[in-house]
């Protein structure tokens, strides 16, 4: 469950969210309320960070800005698709149950007919026997037809259920992906990190985490527009996918912040990967097609840490984020470790 606050706490957050909404230009809609509610609750760190950066830059919170914050940090893009596939699965199962129920009813009726035929045979009444045989033959035909119909429905439904199960698996996997870059989103990273930390067999292994952020990303948006900003984010996602080895996990943590999870890696491994990423991104050039192909270059700041005894996911991420903050404070376009 996403929201676990008590009634009293939620009422306090409600008042805080409405106060925030009243201070900005966005409409009073559910997306706007959810953004400010989660910000007030402090339950969504990337969202709060993105809001703090916009506030520090005196940027307006209009409907477009709120929509981007909601999509980047809150929305589950495949929730409706997952629900739809689940409903189709239920309908397919219901058809089998209905057919089986009908076949069962006809089997009961056929059993009664067979019992009547047996009793008639003992009476040695040819007229009654003829009538009983006719009813039994009719019941046999109905039972055969019902059994064949059930078999055909079971075969068709099995194929449909297998297809729907594949769709459901795919939809659930896609719900963990960032739609802009095709790499894991924050939820996907949280699950992958949770699995890694819960693996008792590998609990003694060294793992690294890199947090990275696009330097002066606001300047890209202000100068070239949000469409170009999205292209820059896509390009960075491609660099991550093309630079990492099997088992190394890139993710878009939120907005222009990314993460890379490096299982079974030392801090030295993490620093080498971070240095490679910094160099490759610095040489990256994205064309602004609306400005005659003007190249847009970016740099990134990175923070690296290794898992320590007693770390949970929050401490692990916070320490890497702290190292990233040091890189940005010390001039950007650099790698720091903690």
Protein backbone atom coordinates (compact mmCIF):
# COMPACT_ATOMS: atom_id res chain seq x y z
CA UNK A 1 0.00 0.00 0.00
CA UNK A 2 1.45 3.37 -1.05
CA UNK A 3 -0.03 5.49 1.74
CA UNK A 4 0.08 4.26 5.34
CA UNK A 5 -0.42 7.48 7.32
CA UNK A 6 -2.93 7.59 10.15
CA UNK A 7 -6.13 9.61 9.77
CA UNK A 8 -4.72 12.43 11.89
CA UNK A 9 -1.42 12.48 9.99
CA UNK A 10 -3.14 12.34 6.62
CA UNK A 11 -5.36 15.28 7.64
CA UNK A 12 -2.23 17.26 8.52
CA UNK A 13 -0.68 16.36 5.15
CA UNK A 14 -3.93 17.26 3.39
CA UNK A 15 -3.77 20.79 4.81
CA UNK A 16 -0.09 21.10 3.87
CA UNK A 17 -0.71 19.86 0.32
CA UNK A 18 -3.60 22.27 -0.22
CA UNK A 19 -1.48 25.14 1.10
CA UNK A 20 1.28 24.24 -1.39
CA UNK A 21 -1.23 23.99 -4.24
CA UNK A 22 -2.57 27.42 -3.42
CA UNK A 23 0.88 28.97 -3.78
CA UNK A 24 1.42 27.85 -7.37
CA UNK A 25 -0.18 28.08 -10.81
CA UNK A 26 -1.18 24.46 -11.47
CA UNK A 27 -4.82 23.40 -11.42
CA UNK A 28 -6.39 21.84 -8.34
CA UNK A 29 -6.51 18.33 -9.78
CA UNK A 30 -5.66 14.84 -8.41
CA UNK A 31 -2.18 14.82 -9.97
CA UNK A 32 -1.31 18.16 -8.37
CA UNK A 33 -2.68 17.04 -5.01
CA UNK A 34 -0.71 13.77 -5.14
CA UNK A 35 2.54 15.57 -5.98
CA UNK A 36 2.21 17.97 -3.05
CA UNK A 37 0.88 15.30 -0.68
CA UNK A 38 3.90 13.02 -1.24
CA UNK A 39 6.22 16.01 -1.03
CA UNK A 40 4.66 17.08 2.28
CA UNK A 41 4.86 13.53 3.61
CA UNK A 42 8.55 13.25 2.70
CA UNK A 43 7.84 9.77 1.31
CA UNK A 44 9.24 10.32 -2.18
CA UNK A 45 12.84 11.54 -2.04
CA UNK A 46 13.40 12.02 -5.80
CA UNK A 47 10.17 14.01 -6.06
CA UNK A 48 11.12 16.22 -3.12
CA UNK A 49 14.56 16.78 -4.62
CA UNK A 50 13.07 17.76 -7.99
CA UNK A 51 10.66 20.18 -6.29
CA UNK A 52 13.47 21.71 -4.20
CA UNK A 53 15.53 22.31 -7.34
CA UNK A 54 12.62 24.02 -9.09
CA UNK A 55 11.93 26.15 -6.03
CA UNK A 56 15.59 27.16 -5.77
CA UNK A 57 15.55 28.17 -9.42
CA UNK A 58 12.28 30.11 -8.98
CA UNK A 59 10.61 28.01 -11.67
CA UNK A 60 6.83 28.05 -11.93
CA UNK A 61 4.76 25.00 -11.04
CA UNK A 62 2.18 25.11 -13.82
CA UNK A 63 0.13 22.18 -15.15
CA UNK A 64 2.97 21.07 -17.46
CA UNK A 65 5.53 21.08 -14.64
CA UNK A 66 3.22 19.21 -12.27
CA UNK A 67 2.41 16.71 -15.02
CA UNK A 68 6.11 16.00 -15.56
CA UNK A 69 6.72 15.60 -11.83
CA UNK A 70 3.78 13.21 -11.59
CA UNK A 71 4.89 11.12 -14.59
CA UNK A 72 8.55 11.02 -13.55
CA UNK A 73 8.14 10.28 -9.86
CA UNK A 74 4.67 8.86 -9.13
CA UNK A 75 2.77 7.40 -12.08
CA UNK A 76 2.71 3.71 -12.91
CA UNK A 77 2.37 3.72 -16.70
CA UNK A 78 1.15 0.13 -17.08
CA UNK A 79 -1.32 -0.13 -14.20
CA UNK A 80 -4.37 0.00 -16.49
CA UNK A 81 -2.87 -2.57 -18.86
CA UNK A 82 -2.14 -4.97 -16.01
CA UNK A 83 -5.69 -4.61 -14.72
CA UNK A 84 -7.07 -5.24 -18.23
CA UNK A 85 -5.06 -8.43 -18.71
CA UNK A 86 -6.08 -9.68 -15.26
CA UNK A 87 -9.75 -9.12 -16.13
CA UNK A 88 -9.32 -11.01 -19.42
CA UNK A 89 -7.77 -13.90 -17.49
CA UNK A 90 -10.74 -13.96 -15.14
CA UNK A 91 -13.17 -13.98 -18.07
CA UNK A 92 -11.34 -16.89 -19.74
CA UNK A 93 -11.45 -18.89 -16.52
CA UNK A 94 -15.13 -18.05 -16.04
CA UNK A 95 -15.99 -19.48 -19.48
CA UNK A 96 -14.33 -22.79 -18.57
CA UNK A 97 -16.17 -22.88 -15.25
CA UNK A 98 -19.51 -22.21 -17.02
CA UNK A 99 -18.88 -24.97 -19.57
CA UNK A 100 -17.81 -27.40 -16.85
CA UNK A 101 -20.92 -26.57 -14.83
CA UNK A 102 -23.18 -27.21 -17.84
CA UNK A 103 -21.40 -30.49 -18.58
CA UNK A 104 -21.81 -31.51 -14.95
CA UNK A 105 -25.56 -30.79 -15.07
CA UNK A 106 -25.92 -32.86 -18.24
CA UNK A 107 -23.90 -35.66 -16.67
CA UNK A 108 -26.29 -35.69 -13.71
CA UNK A 109 -29.29 -35.83 -16.06
CA UNK A 110 -27.64 -38.59 -18.09
CA UNK A 111 -27.04 -40.55 -14.91
CA UNK A 112 -30.76 -40.35 -14.11
CA UNK A 113 -31.60 -41.58 -17.64
CA UNK A 114 -29.25 -44.54 -17.26
CA UNK A 115 -30.84 -45.42 -13.93
CA UNK A 116 -34.30 -45.27 -15.55
CA UNK A 117 -33.09 -47.48 -18.42
CA UNK A 118 -31.75 -50.04 -15.95
CA UNK A 119 -35.05 -50.09 -14.10
CA UNK A 120 -36.99 -50.43 -17.35
CA UNK A 121 -34.87 -53.39 -18.43
CA UNK A 122 -35.86 -55.20 -15.26
CA UNK A 123 -39.59 -54.55 -15.98
CA UNK A 124 -39.43 -56.38 -19.32
CA UNK A 125 -41.85 -53.81 -20.84
CA UNK A 126 -40.97 -53.40 -24.54
CA UNK A 127 -42.90 -50.13 -25.01
CA UNK A 128 -41.34 -48.55 -21.92
CA UNK A 129 -37.95 -49.95 -22.94
CA UNK A 130 -38.22 -48.37 -26.38
CA UNK A 131 -39.04 -44.98 -24.86
CA UNK A 132 -36.23 -45.28 -22.33
CA UNK A 133 -33.73 -46.20 -25.05
CA UNK A 134 -34.79 -43.16 -27.10
CA UNK A 135 -34.28 -40.83 -24.11
CA UNK A 136 -30.96 -42.46 -23.30
CA UNK A 137 -29.75 -42.08 -26.89
CA UNK A 138 -30.74 -38.43 -26.85
CA UNK A 139 -28.96 -37.97 -23.51
CA UNK A 140 -25.88 -39.71 -24.89
CA UNK A 141 -25.79 -37.30 -27.83
CA UNK A 142 -26.19 -34.29 -25.53
CA UNK A 143 -23.52 -35.58 -23.17
CA UNK A 144 -21.12 -36.23 -26.05
CA UNK A 145 -21.76 -32.75 -27.46
CA UNK A 146 -21.29 -31.12 -24.05
CA UNK A 147 -18.07 -33.02 -23.36
CA UNK A 148 -16.72 -32.09 -26.82
CA UNK A 149 -17.69 -28.45 -26.26
CA UNK A 150 -15.95 -28.46 -22.88
CA UNK A 151 -12.81 -29.97 -24.42
CA UNK A 152 -12.75 -27.37 -27.20
CA UNK A 153 -13.33 -24.53 -24.73
CA UNK A 154 -10.55 -25.86 -22.49
CA UNK A 155 -8.11 -25.99 -25.42
CA UNK A 156 -9.03 -22.50 -26.64
CA UNK A 157 -8.98 -21.04 -23.14
CA UNK A 158 -5.63 -22.65 -22.35
CA UNK A 159 -4.12 -20.95 -25.38
CA UNK A 160 -5.76 -17.65 -24.46
CA UNK A 161 -4.62 -17.92 -20.84
CA UNK A 162 -1.04 -18.67 -21.92
CA UNK A 163 -1.10 -15.62 -24.20
CA UNK A 164 -2.62 -13.43 -21.48
CA UNK A 165 -0.10 -14.71 -18.95
CA UNK A 166 2.69 -13.66 -21.31
CA UNK A 167 1.06 -10.24 -21.71
CA UNK A 168 0.72 -9.88 -17.96
CA UNK A 169 4.37 -10.81 -17.40
CA UNK A 170 5.41 -8.33 -20.08
CA UNK A 171 3.18 -5.57 -18.67
CA UNK A 172 4.52 -6.08 -15.18
CA UNK A 173 8.07 -5.98 -16.48
CA UNK A 174 7.34 -2.82 -18.47
CA UNK A 175 5.87 -1.20 -15.35
CA UNK A 176 9.39 -1.34 -13.89
CA UNK A 177 10.92 0.42 -16.91
CA UNK A 178 11.33 4.11 -17.54
CA UNK A 179 9.34 4.86 -20.68
CA UNK A 180 11.75 7.53 -21.93
CA UNK A 181 15.03 5.58 -21.70
CA UNK A 182 13.98 1.93 -21.60
CA UNK A 183 16.06 1.24 -18.48
CA UNK A 184 14.71 0.50 -15.01
CA UNK A 185 12.73 3.19 -13.22
CA UNK A 186 13.05 3.90 -9.52
CA UNK A 187 10.58 1.17 -8.60
CA UNK A 188 12.51 -1.33 -10.68
CA UNK A 189 15.79 -0.32 -9.04
CA UNK A 190 14.25 -0.58 -5.57
CA UNK A 191 13.07 -4.12 -6.30
CA UNK A 192 16.41 -5.18 -7.80
CA UNK A 193 18.31 -3.68 -4.87
CA UNK A 194 15.92 -5.29 -2.40
CA UNK A 195 16.48 -8.71 -3.99
CA UNK A 196 20.25 -8.18 -3.88
CA UNK A 197 20.24 -7.25 -0.19
CA UNK A 198 17.86 -10.07 0.69
CA UNK A 199 20.07 -12.70 -0.97
CA UNK A 200 21.60 -14.42 2.05
CA UNK A 201 23.96 -16.45 -0.09
CA UNK A 202 25.47 -13.27 -1.48
CA UNK A 203 25.15 -11.15 1.63
CA UNK A 204 28.91 -11.19 2.22
CA UNK A 205 29.69 -10.04 -1.32
CA UNK A 206 30.77 -6.51 -2.09
CA UNK A 207 28.28 -4.43 -4.07
CA UNK A 208 28.60 -0.89 -5.41
CA UNK A 209 26.13 1.83 -6.24
CA UNK A 210 26.69 4.85 -8.46
CA UNK A 211 24.37 7.86 -8.38
CA UNK A 212 24.78 10.35 -11.20
CA UNK A 213 23.15 13.59 -12.25
CA UNK A 214 23.22 15.73 -15.41
CA UNK A 215 25.03 18.98 -14.69
CA UNK A 216 23.05 22.19 -15.31
CA UNK A 217 20.15 20.26 -16.81
CA UNK A 218 17.83 23.22 -16.20
CA UNK A 219 19.99 25.22 -18.59
CA UNK A 220 19.35 22.62 -21.32
CA UNK A 221 15.61 22.89 -20.81
CA UNK A 222 15.62 26.67 -20.63
CA UNK A 223 17.80 27.08 -23.72
CA UNK A 224 16.60 24.25 -25.94
CA UNK A 225 13.19 23.27 -24.52
CA UNK A 226 11.84 20.17 -22.79
CA UNK A 227 11.77 18.10 -25.99
CA UNK A 228 15.52 18.53 -26.29
CA UNK A 229 15.83 17.83 -22.57
CA UNK A 230 14.08 14.51 -23.13
CA UNK A 231 16.45 13.69 -26.01
CA UNK A 232 19.44 14.37 -23.77
CA UNK A 233 18.02 12.05 -21.12
CA UNK A 234 17.44 9.37 -23.78
CA UNK A 235 21.02 9.78 -25.02
CA UNK A 236 22.38 9.37 -21.50
CA UNK A 237 20.27 6.24 -21.07
CA UNK A 238 21.81 4.84 -24.26
CA UNK A 239 25.31 5.58 -22.97
CA UNK A 240 24.54 3.67 -19.78
CA UNK A 241 23.12 0.69 -21.67
CA UNK A 242 26.08 0.63 -24.04
CA UNK A 243 28.76 1.00 -21.37
CA UNK A 244 27.77 -1.56 -18.76
CA UNK A 245 28.47 -5.27 -18.59
CA UNK A 246 25.99 -8.08 -18.00
CA UNK A 247 24.65 -7.96 -14.46
CA UNK A 248 25.35 -4.24 -14.03
CA UNK A 249 22.02 -2.46 -13.67
CA UNK A 250 21.29 1.08 -14.92
CA UNK A 251 18.18 2.94 -13.77
CA UNK A 252 16.60 6.33 -14.12
CA UNK A 253 16.08 7.33 -10.49
CA UNK A 254 14.00 10.38 -11.29
CA UNK A 255 14.20 13.49 -13.48
CA UNK A 256 17.81 13.89 -14.60
CA UNK A 257 19.20 11.63 -11.84
CA UNK A 258 20.31 8.09 -12.65
CA UNK A 259 21.74 5.15 -10.74
CA UNK A 260 23.91 2.17 -11.59
CA UNK A 261 23.89 -0.92 -9.39
CA UNK A 262 27.07 -2.99 -9.58
CA UNK A 263 26.63 -6.39 -7.89
CA UNK A 264 29.75 -8.23 -6.73
CA UNK A 265 31.97 -5.18 -7.29
CA UNK A 266 34.57 -3.40 -5.18
CA UNK A 267 34.78 0.35 -4.66
CA UNK A 268 37.68 0.33 -7.15
CA UNK A 269 35.42 -1.34 -9.72
CA UNK A 270 32.76 1.27 -9.05
CA UNK A 271 35.20 4.14 -9.49
CA UNK A 272 36.44 2.70 -12.79
CA UNK A 273 32.90 2.33 -14.14
CA UNK A 274 32.01 5.85 -12.98
CA UNK A 275 35.12 7.31 -14.62
CA UNK A 276 34.26 5.57 -17.90
CA UNK A 277 30.71 6.88 -17.81
CA UNK A 278 31.88 10.43 -17.09
CA UNK A 279 34.30 10.35 -20.03
CA UNK A 280 31.81 8.88 -22.49
CA UNK A 281 29.06 11.31 -21.55
CA UNK A 282 31.44 14.25 -21.84
CA UNK A 283 32.18 13.27 -25.44
CA UNK A 284 28.47 12.90 -26.17
CA UNK A 285 26.88 15.40 -28.56
CA UNK A 286 23.12 15.60 -29.14
CA UNK A 287 21.89 17.65 -32.08
CA UNK A 288 19.20 20.27 -31.57
CA UNK A 289 17.29 19.79 -34.83
CA UNK A 290 15.15 22.86 -34.24
CA UNK A 291 18.29 25.00 -34.20
CA UNK A 292 19.86 23.72 -37.37
CA UNK A 293 21.59 20.75 -35.79
CA UNK A 294 23.37 22.78 -33.11
CA UNK A 295 25.23 20.25 -30.93
CA UNK A 296 24.35 20.10 -27.24
CA UNK A 297 27.01 18.70 -24.93
CA UNK A 298 26.54 17.71 -21.31
CA UNK A 299 28.57 16.55 -18.35
CA UNK A 300 27.59 14.47 -15.37
CA UNK A 301 28.55 14.36 -11.72
CA UNK A 302 28.80 10.99 -10.01
CA UNK A 303 28.92 9.55 -6.51
CA UNK A 304 30.11 6.03 -5.72
CA UNK A 305 29.83 3.92 -2.61
CA UNK A 306 30.24 0.29 -1.62
CA UNK A 307 27.85 -1.68 0.56
CA UNK A 308 28.81 -1.75 4.22
CA UNK A 309 27.87 -4.10 7.02
CA UNK A 310 24.48 -3.12 8.42
CA UNK A 311 23.44 -1.15 5.35
CA UNK A 312 19.83 -1.24 4.25
CA UNK A 313 18.70 0.14 0.90
CA UNK A 314 18.05 3.63 2.28
CA UNK A 315 21.52 4.02 3.84
CA UNK A 316 23.18 2.57 0.75
CA UNK A 317 21.39 5.02 -1.57
CA UNK A 318 21.80 7.99 0.79
CA UNK A 319 25.57 7.51 0.98
CA UNK A 320 25.91 7.33 -2.82
CA UNK A 321 23.68 10.39 -3.12
CA UNK A 322 25.88 12.19 -0.59
CA UNK A 323 28.94 11.43 -2.70
CA UNK A 324 27.09 12.78 -5.74
CA UNK A 325 26.30 15.96 -3.80
CA UNK A 326 30.01 16.37 -3.02
CA UNK A 327 30.83 16.11 -6.73
CA UNK A 328 28.34 18.83 -7.57
CA UNK A 329 29.52 21.06 -4.73
CA UNK A 330 33.15 20.71 -5.78
CA UNK A 331 32.69 21.89 -9.35
CA UNK A 332 30.66 19.15 -11.12
CA UNK A 333 31.89 16.88 -13.95
CA UNK A 334 33.72 14.67 -11.47
CA UNK A 335 33.50 11.43 -9.49
CA UNK A 336 33.44 11.29 -5.68
CA UNK A 337 33.17 8.31 -3.35
CA UNK A 338 31.94 7.78 0.16
